């Protein structure tokens, strides 16, 4: 089991050095840690950052962090190729796909919230992308479904009037505002690349589209 707070023995084992070496480094201020009473304790996250600095391992880029997040939110089972050219049918289909997740216990409540949100303002953000999203009581965790329309959705209003063909539907629990914002940002960053959008629309199967969307195919 990985503890967030580590002892000298655990740090020594993690770093593959002696306990005496860890003690000396800590005493000299070379290793991040502190004393609780008379006992040294170390935060795992600080030790990991220290190791990365020492070994020259660069931190994850914002792009990589976004791809990791998208991988956690989506699954190939929730990548849907949409039939027809109507927004309503597309949203209903994606609500049903999203409700296959254990995190979304009630499809009807989700669907009602999604359509209420669309009545306030269309979620077509431009570049052929729509991002219908809600935070809803009862949803247990952040989750998304990806819809790819074979033909443009003619009644899905967007900011730049380019017909929507890619829909990222996101649902989150009420209190998940920070995670929710990060998810929307990751989606926007990923789909601002025209080549990614074109490849998604040309995808022939859900796994290929999932890998492309989450950066696993590059």
N, C-alpha and C. Protein backbone atom coordinates (compact mmCIF):
# COMPACT_ATOMS: atom_id res chain seq x y z
N UNK A 1 0.84 -1.21 0.00
CA UNK A 1 0.00 0.00 0.00
C UNK A 1 0.88 1.25 0.00
N UNK A 2 0.61 2.22 -0.84
CA UNK A 2 1.36 3.46 -0.89
C UNK A 2 0.77 4.48 0.06
N UNK A 3 1.58 4.94 1.05
CA UNK A 3 1.12 5.94 1.98
C UNK A 3 1.50 7.32 1.49
N UNK A 4 0.67 8.31 1.77
CA UNK A 4 0.98 9.68 1.38
C UNK A 4 2.09 10.26 2.24
N UNK A 5 2.16 9.81 3.49
CA UNK A 5 3.22 10.21 4.40
C UNK A 5 4.16 9.02 4.57
N UNK A 6 5.45 9.27 4.38
CA UNK A 6 6.42 8.18 4.39
C UNK A 6 7.37 8.30 5.58
N UNK A 7 7.83 7.16 6.05
CA UNK A 7 8.85 7.11 7.10
C UNK A 7 10.23 7.10 6.44
N UNK A 8 11.27 7.23 7.28
CA UNK A 8 12.64 7.13 6.76
C UNK A 8 12.84 5.77 6.08
N UNK A 9 12.33 4.73 6.71
CA UNK A 9 12.50 3.39 6.14
C UNK A 9 11.84 3.30 4.76
N UNK A 10 10.66 3.85 4.62
CA UNK A 10 9.95 3.78 3.34
C UNK A 10 10.64 4.62 2.27
N UNK A 11 11.15 5.79 2.67
CA UNK A 11 11.86 6.63 1.70
C UNK A 11 13.14 5.93 1.25
N UNK A 12 13.84 5.32 2.20
CA UNK A 12 15.07 4.60 1.86
C UNK A 12 14.79 3.47 0.88
N UNK A 13 13.73 2.75 1.14
CA UNK A 13 13.38 1.64 0.24
C UNK A 13 12.99 2.19 -1.14
N UNK A 14 12.24 3.29 -1.15
CA UNK A 14 11.81 3.88 -2.43
C UNK A 14 13.01 4.38 -3.25
N UNK A 15 13.98 5.00 -2.56
CA UNK A 15 15.14 5.58 -3.25
C UNK A 15 16.27 4.57 -3.46
N UNK A 16 16.14 3.40 -2.85
CA UNK A 16 17.18 2.37 -2.93
C UNK A 16 18.51 2.87 -2.35
N UNK A 17 18.41 3.54 -1.21
CA UNK A 17 19.60 3.97 -0.49
C UNK A 17 19.42 3.53 0.97
N UNK A 18 20.46 3.75 1.78
CA UNK A 18 20.36 3.34 3.19
C UNK A 18 19.52 4.33 3.98
N UNK A 19 19.01 3.87 5.10
CA UNK A 19 18.26 4.77 5.99
C UNK A 19 19.17 5.88 6.51
N UNK A 20 20.44 5.55 6.73
CA UNK A 20 21.40 6.56 7.20
C UNK A 20 21.54 7.69 6.18
N UNK A 21 21.56 7.32 4.89
CA UNK A 21 21.69 8.33 3.83
C UNK A 21 20.46 9.25 3.81
N UNK A 22 19.29 8.66 3.96
CA UNK A 22 18.07 9.47 3.99
C UNK A 22 18.11 10.42 5.17
N UNK A 23 18.54 9.89 6.31
CA UNK A 23 18.61 10.72 7.53
C UNK A 23 19.57 11.89 7.32
N UNK A 24 20.73 11.60 6.75
CA UNK A 24 21.73 12.66 6.51
C UNK A 24 21.20 13.71 5.55
N UNK A 25 20.59 13.27 4.46
CA UNK A 25 20.04 14.23 3.48
C UNK A 25 18.97 15.11 4.12
N UNK A 26 18.14 14.48 4.94
CA UNK A 26 17.06 15.24 5.59
C UNK A 26 17.64 16.25 6.57
N UNK A 27 18.65 15.83 7.34
CA UNK A 27 19.28 16.72 8.32
C UNK A 27 19.92 17.93 7.63
N UNK A 28 20.48 17.71 6.46
CA UNK A 28 21.17 18.78 5.73
C UNK A 28 20.21 19.63 4.89
N UNK A 29 18.94 19.25 4.89
CA UNK A 29 17.96 20.00 4.12
C UNK A 29 17.98 19.69 2.63
N UNK A 30 18.68 18.61 2.27
CA UNK A 30 18.78 18.24 0.85
C UNK A 30 17.56 17.46 0.38
N UNK A 31 16.84 16.88 1.31
CA UNK A 31 15.67 16.07 0.98
C UNK A 31 14.45 16.70 1.65
N UNK A 32 13.34 16.91 0.92
CA UNK A 32 12.18 17.57 1.54
C UNK A 32 11.51 16.68 2.58
N UNK A 33 11.41 17.20 3.78
CA UNK A 33 10.79 16.44 4.87
C UNK A 33 10.73 17.28 6.12
N UNK A 34 10.16 16.75 7.16
CA UNK A 34 10.07 17.50 8.41
C UNK A 34 9.88 16.55 9.57
N UNK A 35 10.00 17.09 10.74
CA UNK A 35 9.87 16.27 11.94
C UNK A 35 8.49 16.44 12.58
N UNK A 36 7.92 15.33 12.96
CA UNK A 36 6.73 15.31 13.81
C UNK A 36 7.22 14.86 15.17
N UNK A 37 7.38 15.82 16.09
CA UNK A 37 8.04 15.50 17.35
C UNK A 37 9.51 15.27 17.08
N UNK A 38 9.96 14.05 17.30
CA UNK A 38 11.37 13.73 17.04
C UNK A 38 11.54 12.80 15.85
N UNK A 39 10.44 12.58 15.13
CA UNK A 39 10.47 11.57 14.06
C UNK A 39 10.35 12.22 12.69
N UNK A 40 11.24 11.83 11.80
CA UNK A 40 11.18 12.38 10.44
C UNK A 40 10.01 11.77 9.67
N UNK A 41 9.31 12.64 8.93
CA UNK A 41 8.24 12.19 8.04
C UNK A 41 8.36 12.94 6.71
N UNK A 42 7.92 12.31 5.63
CA UNK A 42 8.09 12.86 4.29
C UNK A 42 6.78 12.70 3.50
N UNK A 43 6.43 13.73 2.74
CA UNK A 43 5.28 13.61 1.85
C UNK A 43 5.72 12.89 0.57
N UNK A 44 4.94 11.87 0.19
CA UNK A 44 5.30 11.12 -1.01
C UNK A 44 5.41 12.02 -2.24
N UNK A 45 4.47 12.96 -2.38
CA UNK A 45 4.47 13.82 -3.56
C UNK A 45 5.74 14.66 -3.61
N UNK A 46 6.24 15.10 -2.43
CA UNK A 46 7.47 15.89 -2.40
C UNK A 46 8.67 15.03 -2.78
N UNK A 47 8.67 13.80 -2.30
CA UNK A 47 9.79 12.90 -2.62
C UNK A 47 9.79 12.59 -4.12
N UNK A 48 8.61 12.37 -4.70
CA UNK A 48 8.54 12.07 -6.13
C UNK A 48 9.02 13.25 -6.96
N UNK A 49 8.63 14.46 -6.57
CA UNK A 49 9.10 15.65 -7.29
C UNK A 49 10.61 15.79 -7.16
N UNK A 50 11.12 15.52 -5.98
CA UNK A 50 12.56 15.62 -5.74
C UNK A 50 13.31 14.63 -6.64
N UNK A 51 12.79 13.41 -6.73
CA UNK A 51 13.43 12.40 -7.59
C UNK A 51 13.40 12.85 -9.04
N UNK A 52 12.28 13.39 -9.47
CA UNK A 52 12.18 13.86 -10.87
C UNK A 52 13.20 14.96 -11.15
N UNK A 53 13.37 15.86 -10.17
CA UNK A 53 14.36 16.93 -10.37
C UNK A 53 15.77 16.35 -10.44
N UNK A 54 16.07 15.41 -9.54
CA UNK A 54 17.40 14.83 -9.50
C UNK A 54 17.72 14.04 -10.76
N UNK A 55 16.73 13.35 -11.29
CA UNK A 55 16.97 12.47 -12.44
C UNK A 55 16.64 13.15 -13.75
N UNK A 56 16.16 14.41 -13.65
CA UNK A 56 15.89 15.15 -14.88
C UNK A 56 14.65 14.71 -15.60
N UNK A 57 13.71 14.09 -14.90
CA UNK A 57 12.46 13.67 -15.52
C UNK A 57 11.53 14.86 -15.62
N UNK A 58 11.15 15.31 -16.79
CA UNK A 58 10.30 16.49 -16.90
C UNK A 58 8.89 16.19 -16.41
N UNK A 59 8.22 17.18 -15.82
CA UNK A 59 6.82 16.97 -15.42
C UNK A 59 5.94 16.81 -16.65
N UNK A 60 4.78 16.22 -16.46
CA UNK A 60 3.86 16.04 -17.57
C UNK A 60 3.46 17.39 -18.15
N UNK A 61 3.37 17.48 -19.48
CA UNK A 61 2.96 18.71 -20.12
C UNK A 61 1.46 18.90 -19.93
N UNK A 62 0.96 20.14 -20.05
CA UNK A 62 -0.50 20.34 -19.96
C UNK A 62 -1.26 19.49 -20.97
N UNK A 63 -0.66 19.31 -22.18
CA UNK A 63 -1.31 18.49 -23.19
C UNK A 63 -1.44 17.05 -22.72
N UNK A 64 -0.35 16.51 -22.14
CA UNK A 64 -0.39 15.12 -21.66
C UNK A 64 -1.38 14.99 -20.51
N UNK A 65 -1.44 16.00 -19.64
CA UNK A 65 -2.38 15.95 -18.53
C UNK A 65 -3.82 15.93 -19.04
N UNK A 66 -4.08 16.72 -20.10
CA UNK A 66 -5.41 16.74 -20.68
C UNK A 66 -5.78 15.41 -21.28
N UNK A 67 -4.83 14.77 -21.97
CA UNK A 67 -5.09 13.47 -22.58
C UNK A 67 -5.35 12.42 -21.50
N UNK A 68 -4.59 12.50 -20.40
CA UNK A 68 -4.83 11.56 -19.30
C UNK A 68 -6.23 11.72 -18.75
N UNK A 69 -6.65 12.97 -18.60
CA UNK A 69 -7.99 13.23 -18.06
C UNK A 69 -9.06 12.68 -19.00
N UNK A 70 -8.90 12.92 -20.30
CA UNK A 70 -9.90 12.44 -21.26
C UNK A 70 -9.97 10.92 -21.25
N UNK A 71 -8.84 10.26 -21.06
CA UNK A 71 -8.83 8.79 -21.00
C UNK A 71 -9.63 8.28 -19.81
N UNK A 72 -9.60 9.06 -18.72
CA UNK A 72 -10.33 8.63 -17.52
C UNK A 72 -11.83 8.87 -17.66
N UNK A 73 -12.20 9.88 -18.42
CA UNK A 73 -13.62 10.25 -18.51
C UNK A 73 -14.38 9.43 -19.54
N UNK A 74 -13.67 8.99 -20.56
CA UNK A 74 -14.33 8.34 -21.70
C UNK A 74 -13.93 6.87 -21.75
N UNK A 75 -14.74 6.08 -22.42
CA UNK A 75 -14.38 4.69 -22.72
C UNK A 75 -14.84 4.40 -24.15
N UNK A 76 -14.24 3.43 -24.83
CA UNK A 76 -14.67 3.13 -26.21
C UNK A 76 -16.16 2.79 -26.30
N UNK A 77 -16.72 2.25 -25.23
CA UNK A 77 -18.15 1.89 -25.24
C UNK A 77 -19.05 3.13 -25.33
N UNK A 78 -18.50 4.28 -24.95
CA UNK A 78 -19.30 5.50 -24.99
C UNK A 78 -18.89 6.41 -26.16
N UNK A 79 -18.26 5.81 -27.15
CA UNK A 79 -18.02 6.52 -28.42
C UNK A 79 -19.08 6.04 -29.40
N UNK A 80 -19.91 6.97 -29.86
CA UNK A 80 -21.08 6.60 -30.65
C UNK A 80 -21.04 7.30 -32.02
N UNK A 81 -21.27 6.54 -33.07
CA UNK A 81 -21.41 7.13 -34.41
C UNK A 81 -22.89 7.40 -34.63
N UNK A 82 -23.21 8.67 -34.81
CA UNK A 82 -24.60 9.13 -34.81
C UNK A 82 -25.19 9.06 -36.22
N UNK A 83 -26.42 8.61 -36.29
CA UNK A 83 -27.14 8.55 -37.56
C UNK A 83 -28.09 9.75 -37.65
N UNK A 84 -28.36 10.20 -38.87
CA UNK A 84 -29.29 11.30 -39.07
C UNK A 84 -28.61 12.66 -38.93
N UNK A 85 -29.40 13.71 -39.10
CA UNK A 85 -28.83 15.06 -39.07
C UNK A 85 -29.57 15.98 -38.10
N UNK A 86 -30.22 15.39 -37.08
CA UNK A 86 -31.00 16.18 -36.13
C UNK A 86 -30.33 16.20 -34.75
N UNK A 87 -30.29 17.38 -34.16
CA UNK A 87 -29.67 17.55 -32.85
C UNK A 87 -30.38 16.75 -31.76
N UNK A 88 -31.72 16.79 -31.75
CA UNK A 88 -32.46 16.13 -30.69
C UNK A 88 -32.15 14.64 -30.63
N UNK A 89 -32.15 13.99 -31.77
CA UNK A 89 -31.85 12.56 -31.79
C UNK A 89 -30.43 12.29 -31.33
N UNK A 90 -29.52 13.17 -31.74
CA UNK A 90 -28.11 12.99 -31.35
C UNK A 90 -27.96 13.10 -29.84
N UNK A 91 -28.60 14.10 -29.23
CA UNK A 91 -28.48 14.28 -27.78
C UNK A 91 -29.13 13.13 -27.02
N UNK A 92 -30.28 12.67 -27.48
CA UNK A 92 -30.93 11.52 -26.82
C UNK A 92 -30.05 10.28 -26.88
N UNK A 93 -29.44 10.07 -28.04
CA UNK A 93 -28.56 8.90 -28.19
C UNK A 93 -27.38 8.97 -27.24
N UNK A 94 -26.81 10.17 -27.10
CA UNK A 94 -25.65 10.31 -26.21
C UNK A 94 -26.05 10.25 -24.74
N UNK A 95 -27.24 10.73 -24.41
CA UNK A 95 -27.72 10.58 -23.02
C UNK A 95 -27.83 9.09 -22.67
N UNK A 96 -28.34 8.31 -23.60
CA UNK A 96 -28.46 6.87 -23.36
C UNK A 96 -27.09 6.24 -23.21
N UNK A 97 -26.12 6.69 -24.02
CA UNK A 97 -24.76 6.15 -23.92
C UNK A 97 -24.13 6.53 -22.59
N UNK A 98 -24.34 7.78 -22.18
CA UNK A 98 -23.75 8.25 -20.92
C UNK A 98 -24.36 7.51 -19.73
N UNK A 99 -25.63 7.17 -19.85
CA UNK A 99 -26.33 6.48 -18.75
C UNK A 99 -25.89 5.03 -18.60
N UNK A 100 -25.09 4.52 -19.54
CA UNK A 100 -24.54 3.17 -19.35
C UNK A 100 -23.42 3.19 -18.32
N UNK A 101 -22.93 4.38 -17.98
CA UNK A 101 -21.90 4.48 -16.95
C UNK A 101 -22.53 4.31 -15.57
N UNK A 102 -21.88 3.60 -14.67
CA UNK A 102 -22.40 3.49 -13.29
C UNK A 102 -22.48 4.85 -12.59
N UNK A 103 -21.76 5.83 -13.10
CA UNK A 103 -21.76 7.16 -12.47
C UNK A 103 -23.03 7.95 -12.77
N UNK A 104 -23.83 7.47 -13.74
CA UNK A 104 -25.07 8.18 -14.11
C UNK A 104 -26.25 7.24 -13.88
N UNK A 105 -26.88 7.31 -12.71
CA UNK A 105 -27.91 6.34 -12.37
C UNK A 105 -29.27 6.60 -13.01
N UNK A 106 -29.51 7.82 -13.50
CA UNK A 106 -30.85 8.12 -13.98
C UNK A 106 -30.79 8.81 -15.35
N UNK A 107 -31.09 8.08 -16.40
CA UNK A 107 -31.01 8.64 -17.76
C UNK A 107 -32.03 9.75 -17.98
N UNK A 108 -33.23 9.59 -17.43
CA UNK A 108 -34.28 10.60 -17.64
C UNK A 108 -33.88 11.94 -17.04
N UNK A 109 -33.34 11.92 -15.83
CA UNK A 109 -32.91 13.17 -15.19
C UNK A 109 -31.77 13.81 -15.98
N UNK A 110 -30.86 12.98 -16.45
CA UNK A 110 -29.75 13.50 -17.26
C UNK A 110 -30.29 14.15 -18.54
N UNK A 111 -31.18 13.45 -19.22
CA UNK A 111 -31.72 13.96 -20.48
C UNK A 111 -32.46 15.28 -20.26
N UNK A 112 -33.26 15.33 -19.19
CA UNK A 112 -34.01 16.57 -18.91
C UNK A 112 -33.06 17.73 -18.65
N UNK A 113 -31.99 17.47 -17.91
CA UNK A 113 -31.03 18.53 -17.59
C UNK A 113 -30.27 18.98 -18.85
N UNK A 114 -29.91 18.04 -19.69
CA UNK A 114 -29.20 18.39 -20.93
C UNK A 114 -30.07 19.27 -21.81
N UNK A 115 -31.33 18.91 -21.97
CA UNK A 115 -32.20 19.70 -22.86
C UNK A 115 -32.56 21.04 -22.25
N UNK A 116 -32.67 21.12 -20.91
CA UNK A 116 -32.89 22.43 -20.26
C UNK A 116 -31.70 23.33 -20.53
N UNK A 117 -30.51 22.77 -20.45
CA UNK A 117 -29.29 23.55 -20.70
C UNK A 117 -29.26 24.06 -22.15
N UNK A 118 -29.69 23.23 -23.07
CA UNK A 118 -29.67 23.64 -24.48
C UNK A 118 -30.71 24.72 -24.76
N UNK A 119 -31.80 24.72 -23.99
CA UNK A 119 -32.82 25.76 -24.18
C UNK A 119 -32.27 27.13 -23.78
N UNK A 120 -31.38 27.15 -22.78
CA UNK A 120 -30.80 28.41 -22.34
C UNK A 120 -29.86 28.97 -23.40
N UNK A 121 -29.03 28.11 -23.95
CA UNK A 121 -28.07 28.53 -24.97
C UNK A 121 -27.48 27.29 -25.62
N UNK A 122 -27.37 27.32 -26.93
CA UNK A 122 -26.79 26.18 -27.61
C UNK A 122 -25.33 26.00 -27.18
N UNK A 123 -24.91 24.75 -27.11
CA UNK A 123 -23.54 24.43 -26.68
C UNK A 123 -22.63 24.15 -27.87
N UNK A 124 -23.02 24.62 -29.06
CA UNK A 124 -22.12 24.54 -30.20
C UNK A 124 -21.03 25.59 -30.05
N UNK A 125 -19.79 25.14 -29.78
CA UNK A 125 -18.73 26.09 -29.45
C UNK A 125 -17.94 26.55 -30.67
N UNK A 126 -18.27 26.01 -31.84
CA UNK A 126 -17.56 26.37 -33.06
C UNK A 126 -16.69 25.23 -33.56
N UNK A 127 -16.18 25.39 -34.80
CA UNK A 127 -15.31 24.38 -35.43
C UNK A 127 -15.99 23.02 -35.60
N UNK A 128 -17.33 23.04 -35.63
CA UNK A 128 -18.06 21.78 -35.81
C UNK A 128 -18.17 20.95 -34.55
N UNK A 129 -17.98 21.58 -33.38
CA UNK A 129 -17.98 20.84 -32.11
C UNK A 129 -19.10 21.35 -31.21
N UNK A 130 -19.80 20.41 -30.57
CA UNK A 130 -20.79 20.74 -29.55
C UNK A 130 -20.39 20.09 -28.24
N UNK A 131 -20.57 20.83 -27.13
CA UNK A 131 -20.20 20.29 -25.82
C UNK A 131 -21.37 20.46 -24.84
N UNK A 132 -22.42 19.67 -24.98
CA UNK A 132 -23.51 19.74 -24.00
C UNK A 132 -23.02 19.23 -22.66
N UNK A 133 -23.28 19.98 -21.59
CA UNK A 133 -22.70 19.62 -20.30
C UNK A 133 -23.63 20.04 -19.17
N UNK A 134 -23.63 19.25 -18.12
CA UNK A 134 -24.43 19.56 -16.93
C UNK A 134 -23.71 19.09 -15.68
N UNK A 135 -24.00 19.79 -14.58
CA UNK A 135 -23.65 19.29 -13.25
C UNK A 135 -24.98 18.97 -12.58
N UNK A 136 -25.07 17.75 -12.03
CA UNK A 136 -26.39 17.25 -11.66
C UNK A 136 -26.33 16.44 -10.37
N UNK A 137 -27.27 16.68 -9.47
CA UNK A 137 -27.40 15.84 -8.28
C UNK A 137 -27.66 14.40 -8.72
N UNK A 138 -27.03 13.48 -8.06
CA UNK A 138 -27.24 12.08 -8.38
C UNK A 138 -26.13 11.50 -9.23
N UNK A 139 -25.50 12.34 -10.07
CA UNK A 139 -24.34 11.87 -10.82
C UNK A 139 -23.20 11.66 -9.82
N UNK A 140 -22.55 10.52 -9.90
CA UNK A 140 -21.57 10.18 -8.87
C UNK A 140 -20.16 10.60 -9.20
N UNK A 141 -19.87 10.77 -10.49
CA UNK A 141 -18.52 11.19 -10.87
C UNK A 141 -18.55 11.76 -12.28
N UNK A 142 -17.52 12.53 -12.60
CA UNK A 142 -17.40 13.13 -13.92
C UNK A 142 -17.27 12.05 -14.99
N UNK A 143 -18.03 12.20 -16.07
CA UNK A 143 -18.03 11.17 -17.10
C UNK A 143 -18.44 11.82 -18.43
N UNK A 144 -18.05 11.22 -19.55
CA UNK A 144 -18.43 11.80 -20.83
C UNK A 144 -18.72 10.73 -21.87
N UNK A 145 -19.45 11.16 -22.91
CA UNK A 145 -19.70 10.34 -24.10
C UNK A 145 -19.31 11.18 -25.31
N UNK A 146 -18.82 10.50 -26.33
CA UNK A 146 -18.38 11.18 -27.55
C UNK A 146 -19.25 10.73 -28.72
N UNK A 147 -19.86 11.70 -29.39
CA UNK A 147 -20.69 11.40 -30.55
C UNK A 147 -20.05 11.95 -31.82
N UNK A 148 -20.02 11.12 -32.87
CA UNK A 148 -19.47 11.55 -34.16
C UNK A 148 -20.56 11.38 -35.20
N UNK A 149 -20.99 12.50 -35.76
CA UNK A 149 -22.10 12.47 -36.73
C UNK A 149 -21.56 12.25 -38.14
N UNK A 150 -22.14 11.30 -38.85
CA UNK A 150 -21.68 11.02 -40.20
C UNK A 150 -22.03 12.16 -41.16
N UNK A 151 -23.08 12.90 -40.79
CA UNK A 151 -23.42 14.07 -41.59
C UNK A 151 -23.70 15.23 -40.63
N UNK A 152 -23.50 16.47 -41.05
CA UNK A 152 -23.67 17.62 -40.15
C UNK A 152 -25.07 17.68 -39.54
N UNK A 153 -25.13 18.10 -38.27
CA UNK A 153 -26.41 18.27 -37.58
C UNK A 153 -26.92 19.67 -37.91
N UNK A 154 -27.89 19.73 -38.77
CA UNK A 154 -28.27 21.00 -39.40
C UNK A 154 -28.92 21.98 -38.43
N UNK A 155 -29.47 21.49 -37.31
CA UNK A 155 -30.17 22.39 -36.39
C UNK A 155 -29.41 22.60 -35.08
N UNK A 156 -28.14 22.22 -35.05
CA UNK A 156 -27.31 22.43 -33.86
C UNK A 156 -26.59 23.76 -34.05
N UNK A 157 -27.11 24.82 -33.42
CA UNK A 157 -26.56 26.16 -33.59
C UNK A 157 -25.17 26.24 -32.96
N UNK A 158 -24.26 26.87 -33.70
CA UNK A 158 -22.89 27.03 -33.16
C UNK A 158 -22.45 28.48 -33.31
N UNK A 159 -21.40 28.82 -32.57
CA UNK A 159 -20.94 30.20 -32.53
C UNK A 159 -20.47 30.70 -33.89
N UNK A 160 -19.91 29.82 -34.70
CA UNK A 160 -19.37 30.25 -35.99
C UNK A 160 -20.20 29.76 -37.17
N UNK A 161 -21.34 29.18 -36.87
CA UNK A 161 -22.27 28.68 -37.90
C UNK A 161 -21.74 27.48 -38.68
N UNK A 162 -20.60 26.92 -38.25
CA UNK A 162 -20.12 25.68 -38.88
C UNK A 162 -20.93 24.52 -38.31
N UNK A 163 -21.51 23.69 -39.16
CA UNK A 163 -22.36 22.60 -38.65
C UNK A 163 -21.62 21.66 -37.70
N UNK A 164 -22.29 21.30 -36.61
CA UNK A 164 -21.70 20.41 -35.61
C UNK A 164 -21.67 18.97 -36.13
N UNK A 165 -20.52 18.33 -35.96
CA UNK A 165 -20.39 16.91 -36.29
C UNK A 165 -19.73 16.10 -35.18
N UNK A 166 -19.16 16.79 -34.20
CA UNK A 166 -18.54 16.11 -33.06
C UNK A 166 -19.19 16.63 -31.79
N UNK A 167 -19.70 15.72 -30.96
CA UNK A 167 -20.36 16.13 -29.72
C UNK A 167 -19.69 15.44 -28.54
N UNK A 168 -19.27 16.25 -27.58
CA UNK A 168 -18.71 15.73 -26.33
C UNK A 168 -19.71 16.05 -25.22
N UNK A 169 -20.42 15.05 -24.75
CA UNK A 169 -21.41 15.26 -23.69
C UNK A 169 -20.76 14.93 -22.34
N UNK A 170 -20.86 15.89 -21.41
CA UNK A 170 -20.20 15.75 -20.12
C UNK A 170 -21.22 15.88 -19.00
N UNK A 171 -21.15 14.99 -18.03
CA UNK A 171 -21.99 15.08 -16.83
C UNK A 171 -21.08 15.00 -15.61
N UNK A 172 -21.42 15.80 -14.60
CA UNK A 172 -20.62 15.81 -13.38
C UNK A 172 -21.54 15.98 -12.18
N UNK A 173 -21.01 15.63 -11.02
CA UNK A 173 -21.73 15.86 -9.78
C UNK A 173 -21.69 17.36 -9.46
N UNK A 174 -22.66 17.84 -8.71
CA UNK A 174 -22.80 19.28 -8.44
C UNK A 174 -21.52 19.91 -7.90
N UNK A 175 -20.82 19.19 -7.01
CA UNK A 175 -19.67 19.79 -6.33
C UNK A 175 -18.39 19.70 -7.14
N UNK A 176 -18.44 19.14 -8.35
CA UNK A 176 -17.20 18.90 -9.10
C UNK A 176 -16.86 20.05 -10.04
N UNK A 177 -17.04 21.25 -9.61
CA UNK A 177 -16.80 22.39 -10.50
C UNK A 177 -15.36 22.45 -11.03
N UNK A 178 -14.32 22.31 -10.18
CA UNK A 178 -12.95 22.39 -10.72
C UNK A 178 -12.67 21.31 -11.75
N UNK A 179 -13.07 20.07 -11.44
CA UNK A 179 -12.83 18.97 -12.38
C UNK A 179 -13.61 19.18 -13.68
N UNK A 180 -14.78 19.71 -13.52
CA UNK A 180 -15.68 20.01 -14.66
C UNK A 180 -15.01 21.02 -15.61
N UNK A 181 -14.45 22.08 -15.03
CA UNK A 181 -13.79 23.10 -15.84
C UNK A 181 -12.56 22.52 -16.53
N UNK A 182 -11.81 21.68 -15.81
CA UNK A 182 -10.62 21.07 -16.42
C UNK A 182 -11.02 20.16 -17.58
N UNK A 183 -12.13 19.46 -17.42
CA UNK A 183 -12.58 18.57 -18.49
C UNK A 183 -12.97 19.37 -19.73
N UNK A 184 -13.71 20.44 -19.54
CA UNK A 184 -14.11 21.26 -20.69
C UNK A 184 -12.89 21.87 -21.36
N UNK A 185 -11.91 22.27 -20.57
CA UNK A 185 -10.68 22.82 -21.13
C UNK A 185 -9.91 21.77 -21.92
N UNK A 186 -9.84 20.55 -21.39
CA UNK A 186 -9.13 19.47 -22.09
C UNK A 186 -9.80 19.14 -23.42
N UNK A 187 -11.12 19.13 -23.43
CA UNK A 187 -11.86 18.86 -24.67
C UNK A 187 -11.58 19.95 -25.70
N UNK A 188 -11.66 21.20 -25.26
CA UNK A 188 -11.42 22.31 -26.16
C UNK A 188 -10.01 22.28 -26.73
N UNK A 189 -9.04 22.00 -25.87
CA UNK A 189 -7.65 21.95 -26.33
C UNK A 189 -7.45 20.83 -27.34
N UNK A 190 -8.07 19.70 -27.09
CA UNK A 190 -7.89 18.56 -27.98
C UNK A 190 -8.51 18.81 -29.35
N UNK A 191 -9.69 19.41 -29.36
CA UNK A 191 -10.43 19.52 -30.61
C UNK A 191 -10.17 20.83 -31.36
N UNK A 192 -9.30 21.68 -30.84
CA UNK A 192 -8.96 22.88 -31.60
C UNK A 192 -8.09 22.54 -32.80
N UNK A 193 -7.51 21.34 -32.79
CA UNK A 193 -6.67 20.87 -33.89
C UNK A 193 -7.58 20.32 -35.00
N UNK A 194 -7.57 21.01 -36.14
CA UNK A 194 -8.46 20.60 -37.24
C UNK A 194 -8.18 19.19 -37.72
N UNK A 195 -6.90 18.80 -37.73
CA UNK A 195 -6.57 17.45 -38.22
C UNK A 195 -7.18 16.38 -37.32
N UNK A 196 -7.22 16.65 -36.01
CA UNK A 196 -7.84 15.70 -35.09
C UNK A 196 -9.33 15.59 -35.39
N UNK A 197 -9.96 16.73 -35.61
CA UNK A 197 -11.41 16.71 -35.89
C UNK A 197 -11.70 15.93 -37.18
N UNK A 198 -10.92 16.18 -38.19
CA UNK A 198 -11.16 15.50 -39.46
C UNK A 198 -10.94 13.99 -39.34
N UNK A 199 -9.91 13.61 -38.60
CA UNK A 199 -9.64 12.17 -38.41
C UNK A 199 -10.74 11.51 -37.59
N UNK A 200 -11.27 12.24 -36.61
CA UNK A 200 -12.37 11.67 -35.82
C UNK A 200 -13.59 11.42 -36.70
N UNK A 201 -13.92 12.39 -37.52
CA UNK A 201 -15.09 12.25 -38.39
C UNK A 201 -14.89 11.10 -39.38
N UNK A 202 -13.65 10.86 -39.77
CA UNK A 202 -13.35 9.78 -40.72
C UNK A 202 -13.13 8.44 -40.04
N UNK A 203 -13.16 8.40 -38.70
CA UNK A 203 -12.92 7.14 -37.98
C UNK A 203 -13.92 6.08 -38.39
N UNK A 204 -13.44 4.84 -38.41
CA UNK A 204 -14.32 3.74 -38.83
C UNK A 204 -14.82 2.90 -37.68
N UNK A 205 -14.22 3.06 -36.50
CA UNK A 205 -14.68 2.26 -35.35
C UNK A 205 -14.43 3.02 -34.06
N UNK A 206 -15.12 2.59 -33.01
CA UNK A 206 -15.10 3.32 -31.73
C UNK A 206 -13.73 3.30 -31.07
N UNK A 207 -13.03 2.18 -31.16
CA UNK A 207 -11.72 2.09 -30.50
C UNK A 207 -10.73 3.05 -31.15
N UNK A 208 -10.74 3.10 -32.48
CA UNK A 208 -9.85 4.03 -33.18
C UNK A 208 -10.16 5.47 -32.81
N UNK A 209 -11.45 5.80 -32.75
CA UNK A 209 -11.85 7.16 -32.39
C UNK A 209 -11.46 7.48 -30.95
N UNK A 210 -11.65 6.52 -30.05
CA UNK A 210 -11.25 6.71 -28.65
C UNK A 210 -9.75 6.98 -28.55
N UNK A 211 -8.96 6.16 -29.23
CA UNK A 211 -7.50 6.32 -29.17
C UNK A 211 -7.06 7.67 -29.74
N UNK A 212 -7.73 8.08 -30.80
CA UNK A 212 -7.40 9.37 -31.42
C UNK A 212 -7.77 10.52 -30.48
N UNK A 213 -8.96 10.45 -29.93
CA UNK A 213 -9.44 11.53 -29.07
C UNK A 213 -8.60 11.68 -27.81
N UNK A 214 -8.16 10.56 -27.26
CA UNK A 214 -7.42 10.60 -26.00
C UNK A 214 -5.91 10.67 -26.21
N UNK A 215 -5.48 10.75 -27.47
CA UNK A 215 -4.05 10.89 -27.74
C UNK A 215 -3.28 9.59 -27.76
N UNK A 216 -3.95 8.47 -27.64
CA UNK A 216 -3.24 7.18 -27.62
C UNK A 216 -2.82 6.75 -29.02
N UNK A 217 -3.43 7.36 -30.04
CA UNK A 217 -3.14 6.92 -31.41
C UNK A 217 -2.01 7.70 -32.03
N UNK A 218 -1.45 8.70 -31.30
CA UNK A 218 -0.41 9.54 -31.90
C UNK A 218 0.98 9.05 -31.52
